[in-house]
Amino acid sequence: MSELRLAVFDCDGTLVDSQHTIVACMEMAFAAAGFAVPTAESVRRVVGLPLAASVARLSPVLAMDECERVANFYKQAFNDMRRDSGFNEPIFPGIRELLDALEAEGVVLGVATGKGRRGLRITLEHHGLIDRFATLQTADDAPGKPHPEMLRRAMAETGADPAATAMVGDTTFDILMALNAGTAAIGVGWGYHPPEELHAAGAHAVAAAAQDVRPAWLKAVEARGAAPSARGTTWDAGSSGSPSA
């Protein structure tokens, strides 16, 4: 059985709860461009995709140059909001402890996100996490999720192979990227896509809370070598040490 060597985390919806910022900035961007404002739920559904691709999903009738214009308004709104004293993208409960525990085991940490590199660094620096990750992969560096290139680059930078790598994320885009790259696909149940959708996308395991991510890796190793019917469990370390339906 391979030991976990590299754990790559999504950012928005996995490490930090940024949905309110993202929704607000997207609403302002569409309004500034003179287009119909998308619903908050529809915005949450596209979190994780590159910015222009998110805009295209939210409004398929827009031409690519119009999507890029909305994306630029989004970046402006984000920068304005970041300077506001009320700016808040809280880190999810248990994440710091999870990172500590993985590092103590010698696991290398990374990030693969649909955010741009500047936005990612701002978020990680805000929480004092920038030095925790050995590899940072963004939509500026490679094709967006679910294309596997970001994960491939993370593995190449850290010397890890797919059998010893886990992608940890809250959306089906994360799960599909992991499967495309041949790594373990671990969903998290506290983000923006519900656990049943993560299972349906092919997640090897879904962690109910941050402390369940490490046990979920063990479950993922088992599931990757098992028949498809063995998949689809939500691992909860607080439930007598066994997976719960």
Protein backbone atom coordinates (compact mmCIF):
# COMPACT_ATOMS: atom_id res chain seq x y z
CA MET A 1 0.00 0.00 0.00
CA SER A 2 1.43 3.39 -0.99
CA GLU A 3 1.90 5.98 1.71
CA LEU A 4 0.49 9.45 1.20
CA ARG A 5 3.35 11.66 0.01
CA LEU A 6 1.55 14.66 -1.53
CA ALA A 7 -1.79 16.20 -0.50
CA VAL A 8 -3.03 18.87 -2.91
CA PHE A 9 -5.86 21.07 -1.68
CA ASP A 10 -8.38 23.19 -3.49
CA CYS A 11 -8.64 26.68 -1.97
CA ASP A 12 -12.14 28.22 -2.15
CA GLY A 13 -14.63 25.97 -0.38
CA THR A 14 -11.93 23.63 0.93
CA LEU A 15 -9.35 25.70 2.81
CA VAL A 16 -11.33 28.94 3.16
CA ASP A 17 -15.00 29.92 3.02
CA SER A 18 -14.93 32.58 0.34
CA GLN A 19 -18.42 32.14 -1.06
CA HIS A 20 -19.73 35.50 0.15
CA THR A 21 -16.82 37.37 -1.43
CA ILE A 22 -17.11 35.42 -4.68
CA VAL A 23 -20.87 35.88 -4.96
CA ALA A 24 -20.67 39.60 -4.17
CA CYS A 25 -17.84 40.21 -6.64
CA MET A 26 -19.58 38.26 -9.39
CA GLU A 27 -22.80 40.20 -8.84
CA MET A 28 -20.91 43.49 -9.04
CA ALA A 29 -18.99 42.37 -12.14
CA PHE A 30 -22.10 41.39 -14.10
CA ALA A 31 -23.87 44.59 -13.06
CA ALA A 32 -20.88 46.74 -14.05
CA ALA A 33 -20.81 45.06 -17.45
CA GLY A 34 -24.53 45.70 -17.92
CA PHE A 35 -25.58 42.04 -17.90
CA ALA A 36 -28.19 40.18 -15.85
CA VAL A 37 -26.85 39.32 -12.40
CA PRO A 38 -26.61 35.56 -11.71
CA THR A 39 -28.11 33.98 -8.61
CA ALA A 40 -25.93 33.23 -5.60
CA GLU A 41 -26.55 29.49 -6.00
CA SER A 42 -25.48 29.52 -9.65
CA VAL A 43 -22.27 31.34 -8.68
CA ARG A 44 -21.48 28.76 -5.99
CA ARG A 45 -21.91 26.04 -8.61
CA VAL A 46 -19.01 27.38 -10.71
CA VAL A 47 -16.53 28.06 -7.90
CA GLY A 48 -13.31 26.28 -8.78
CA LEU A 49 -13.33 26.99 -12.50
CA PRO A 50 -11.07 29.66 -14.03
CA LEU A 51 -12.69 33.09 -13.84
CA ALA A 52 -13.60 33.58 -17.50
CA ALA A 53 -14.85 30.00 -17.71
CA SER A 54 -17.05 30.64 -14.67
CA VAL A 55 -18.55 33.68 -16.38
CA ALA A 56 -19.19 31.64 -19.53
CA ARG A 57 -20.99 28.97 -17.50
CA LEU A 58 -23.11 31.59 -15.76
CA SER A 59 -24.08 33.25 -19.04
CA PRO A 60 -23.52 30.95 -22.04
CA VAL A 61 -24.80 33.59 -24.48
CA LEU A 62 -21.82 35.88 -23.84
CA ALA A 63 -18.98 36.01 -26.34
CA MET A 64 -15.50 35.27 -25.01
CA ASP A 65 -14.45 38.93 -25.08
CA GLU A 66 -17.54 39.77 -23.02
CA CYS A 67 -16.64 37.02 -20.53
CA GLU A 68 -13.15 38.49 -20.24
CA ARG A 69 -14.65 41.94 -19.64
CA VAL A 70 -16.82 40.60 -16.81
CA ALA A 71 -13.77 38.79 -15.41
CA ASN A 72 -11.84 42.07 -15.33
CA PHE A 73 -14.70 43.76 -13.48
CA TYR A 74 -14.63 40.85 -11.02
CA LYS A 75 -10.91 41.36 -10.36
CA GLN A 76 -11.52 45.07 -9.77
CA ALA A 77 -14.38 44.30 -7.37
CA PHE A 78 -12.22 41.79 -5.50
CA ASN A 79 -9.37 44.27 -5.12
CA ASP A 80 -11.78 46.94 -3.87
CA MET A 81 -13.37 44.53 -1.40
CA ARG A 82 -9.98 43.32 -0.15
CA ARG A 83 -9.12 46.89 0.89
CA ASP A 84 -12.34 47.08 2.90
CA SER A 85 -11.85 46.53 6.63
CA GLY A 86 -14.84 44.17 6.60
CA PHE A 87 -13.20 41.75 4.14
CA ASN A 88 -13.46 38.26 5.56
CA GLU A 89 -12.79 34.82 4.09
CA PRO A 90 -12.56 32.62 7.18
CA ILE A 91 -10.50 29.46 7.22
CA PHE A 92 -12.65 26.39 7.75
CA PRO A 93 -12.61 24.74 11.20
CA GLY A 94 -9.86 22.18 11.69
CA ILE A 95 -7.85 23.09 8.58
CA ARG A 96 -4.79 24.35 10.46
CA GLU A 97 -4.78 21.24 12.62
CA LEU A 98 -5.12 19.05 9.52
CA LEU A 99 -2.16 20.72 7.84
CA ASP A 100 -0.11 20.35 11.04
CA ALA A 101 -0.94 16.64 11.28
CA LEU A 102 -0.09 15.94 7.64
CA GLU A 103 3.19 17.84 7.85
CA ALA A 104 4.09 15.94 11.03
CA GLU A 105 3.73 12.73 9.01
CA GLY A 106 6.07 14.09 6.33
CA VAL A 107 3.33 14.72 3.79
CA VAL A 108 4.12 17.48 1.28
CA LEU A 109 1.31 20.01 0.86
CA GLY A 110 0.15 21.78 -2.26
CA VAL A 111 -2.71 23.84 -3.69
CA ALA A 112 -4.47 23.56 -7.05
CA THR A 113 -7.10 26.22 -7.60
CA GLY A 114 -9.11 28.04 -10.22
CA LYS A 115 -7.97 31.32 -8.64
CA GLY A 116 -5.27 33.37 -10.24
CA ARG A 117 -1.84 33.31 -8.60
CA ARG A 118 -2.17 36.83 -7.18
CA GLY A 119 -5.56 36.09 -5.63
CA LEU A 120 -4.31 32.82 -4.16
CA ARG A 121 -1.28 34.45 -2.58
CA ILE A 122 -3.46 37.20 -1.09
CA THR A 123 -5.76 34.59 0.47
CA LEU A 124 -2.98 32.40 1.83
CA GLU A 125 -0.98 35.35 3.17
CA HIS A 126 -4.11 36.70 4.87
CA HIS A 127 -4.29 33.49 6.90
CA GLY A 128 -0.55 33.02 7.35
CA LEU A 129 -0.58 29.87 5.21
CA ILE A 130 1.62 30.89 2.30
CA ASP A 131 4.68 29.02 3.63
CA ARG A 132 2.79 25.81 4.31
CA PHE A 133 2.57 24.73 0.68
CA ALA A 134 5.47 23.45 -1.41
CA THR A 135 3.63 23.82 -4.71
CA LEU A 136 0.99 26.34 -5.79
CA GLN A 137 -0.87 25.62 -9.01
CA THR A 138 -3.31 28.18 -10.38
CA ALA A 139 -5.38 28.96 -13.44
CA ASP A 140 -2.53 31.26 -14.52
CA ASP A 141 -0.19 28.28 -14.90
CA ALA A 142 -2.20 25.56 -16.61
CA PRO A 143 -5.59 24.68 -18.07
CA GLY A 144 -8.39 24.90 -15.51
CA LYS A 145 -10.16 22.05 -13.78
CA PRO A 146 -11.07 19.33 -14.57
CA HIS A 147 -7.98 19.20 -16.83
CA PRO A 148 -5.27 17.27 -14.93
CA GLU A 149 -2.32 19.54 -15.77
CA MET A 150 -2.27 21.40 -12.44
CA LEU A 151 -2.02 18.11 -10.55
CA ARG A 152 0.60 16.80 -12.94
CA ARG A 153 2.68 19.92 -12.39
CA ALA A 154 2.30 19.61 -8.61
CA MET A 155 3.51 16.02 -8.72
CA ALA A 156 6.42 16.91 -10.99
CA GLU A 157 7.52 19.75 -8.69
CA THR A 158 7.44 17.56 -5.57
CA GLY A 159 8.57 14.22 -6.98
CA ALA A 160 5.35 12.42 -6.04
CA ASP A 161 3.62 9.83 -8.18
CA PRO A 162 -0.15 9.45 -8.62
CA ALA A 163 -0.40 6.43 -6.32
CA ALA A 164 0.96 8.51 -3.43
CA THR A 165 -0.99 11.70 -4.21
CA ALA A 166 -4.43 12.84 -3.05
CA MET A 167 -6.47 15.73 -4.40
CA VAL A 168 -8.70 17.18 -1.70
CA GLY A 169 -11.55 19.40 -2.84
CA ASP A 170 -15.18 20.37 -2.44
CA THR A 171 -16.39 20.36 -6.05
CA THR A 172 -16.94 17.83 -8.81
CA PHE A 173 -14.29 19.75 -10.78
CA ASP A 174 -11.70 18.70 -8.16
CA ILE A 175 -12.84 15.08 -8.25
CA LEU A 176 -12.72 14.89 -12.04
CA MET A 177 -9.29 16.53 -12.14
CA ALA A 178 -7.98 13.93 -9.68
CA LEU A 179 -9.44 11.04 -11.66
CA ASN A 180 -8.00 12.49 -14.88
CA ALA A 181 -4.57 12.68 -13.24
CA GLY A 182 -4.79 9.18 -11.75
CA THR A 183 -4.60 10.32 -8.12
CA ALA A 184 -6.85 9.65 -5.16
CA ALA A 185 -9.95 11.85 -5.26
CA ILE A 186 -11.05 12.95 -1.79
CA GLY A 187 -14.12 15.14 -1.51
CA VAL A 188 -14.96 17.34 1.47
CA GLY A 189 -18.46 17.74 2.80
CA TRP A 190 -18.23 21.35 3.99
CA GLY A 191 -17.87 23.13 0.65
CA TYR A 192 -20.00 24.21 -2.30
CA HIS A 193 -21.00 20.91 -3.97
CA PRO A 194 -22.98 18.39 -1.86
CA PRO A 195 -21.42 15.01 -0.94
CA GLU A 196 -23.82 13.05 -3.15
CA GLU A 197 -22.56 14.94 -6.20
CA LEU A 198 -18.94 14.28 -5.21
CA HIS A 199 -19.72 10.57 -4.90
CA ALA A 200 -21.50 10.59 -8.25
CA ALA A 201 -18.47 12.25 -9.87
CA GLY A 202 -16.32 9.34 -8.70
CA ALA A 203 -14.82 10.45 -5.37
CA HIS A 204 -12.99 7.58 -3.70
CA ALA A 205 -14.05 8.97 -0.32
CA VAL A 206 -15.70 12.09 1.12
CA ALA A 207 -14.54 13.55 4.43
CA ALA A 208 -17.27 14.91 6.69
CA ALA A 209 -14.87 17.20 8.59
CA ALA A 210 -11.23 18.28 8.38
CA GLN A 211 -10.06 15.64 10.86
CA ASP A 212 -11.54 12.98 8.59
CA VAL A 213 -9.33 13.76 5.57
CA ARG A 214 -6.46 11.49 6.67
CA PRO A 215 -8.76 8.50 7.33
CA ALA A 216 -10.45 9.28 4.00
CA TRP A 217 -7.10 8.78 2.27
CA LEU A 218 -6.91 5.25 3.70
CA LYS A 219 -10.45 4.63 2.52
CA ALA A 220 -9.55 6.01 -0.90
CA VAL A 221 -6.63 3.59 -1.21
CA GLU A 222 -9.01 0.73 -0.49
CA ALA A 223 -11.68 2.06 -2.86
CA ARG A 224 -9.24 2.56 -5.75
CA GLY A 225 -8.44 -1.14 -5.66
CA ALA A 226 -12.01 -2.28 -5.13
CA ALA A 227 -15.01 -2.77 -7.36
CA PRO A 228 -17.06 0.35 -8.16
CA SER A 229 -19.69 -0.75 -5.63
CA ALA A 230 -17.15 -0.23 -2.85
CA ARG A 231 -17.13 3.51 -3.52
CA GLY A 232 -19.60 6.09 -2.28
CA THR A 233 -18.97 6.12 1.47
CA THR A 234 -18.62 9.25 3.53
CA TRP A 235 -15.82 8.75 6.02
CA ASP A 236 -16.47 10.17 9.46
CA ALA A 237 -13.77 9.41 12.03
CA GLY A 238 -16.16 10.39 14.77
CA SER A 239 -18.58 7.60 13.97
CA SER A 240 -16.98 4.72 15.83
CA GLY A 241 -14.12 4.63 13.37
CA SER A 242 -16.23 3.38 10.50
CA PRO A 243 -17.62 4.91 7.31
CA SER A 244 -21.19 6.18 7.37
CA ALA A 245 -23.65 6.16 4.50
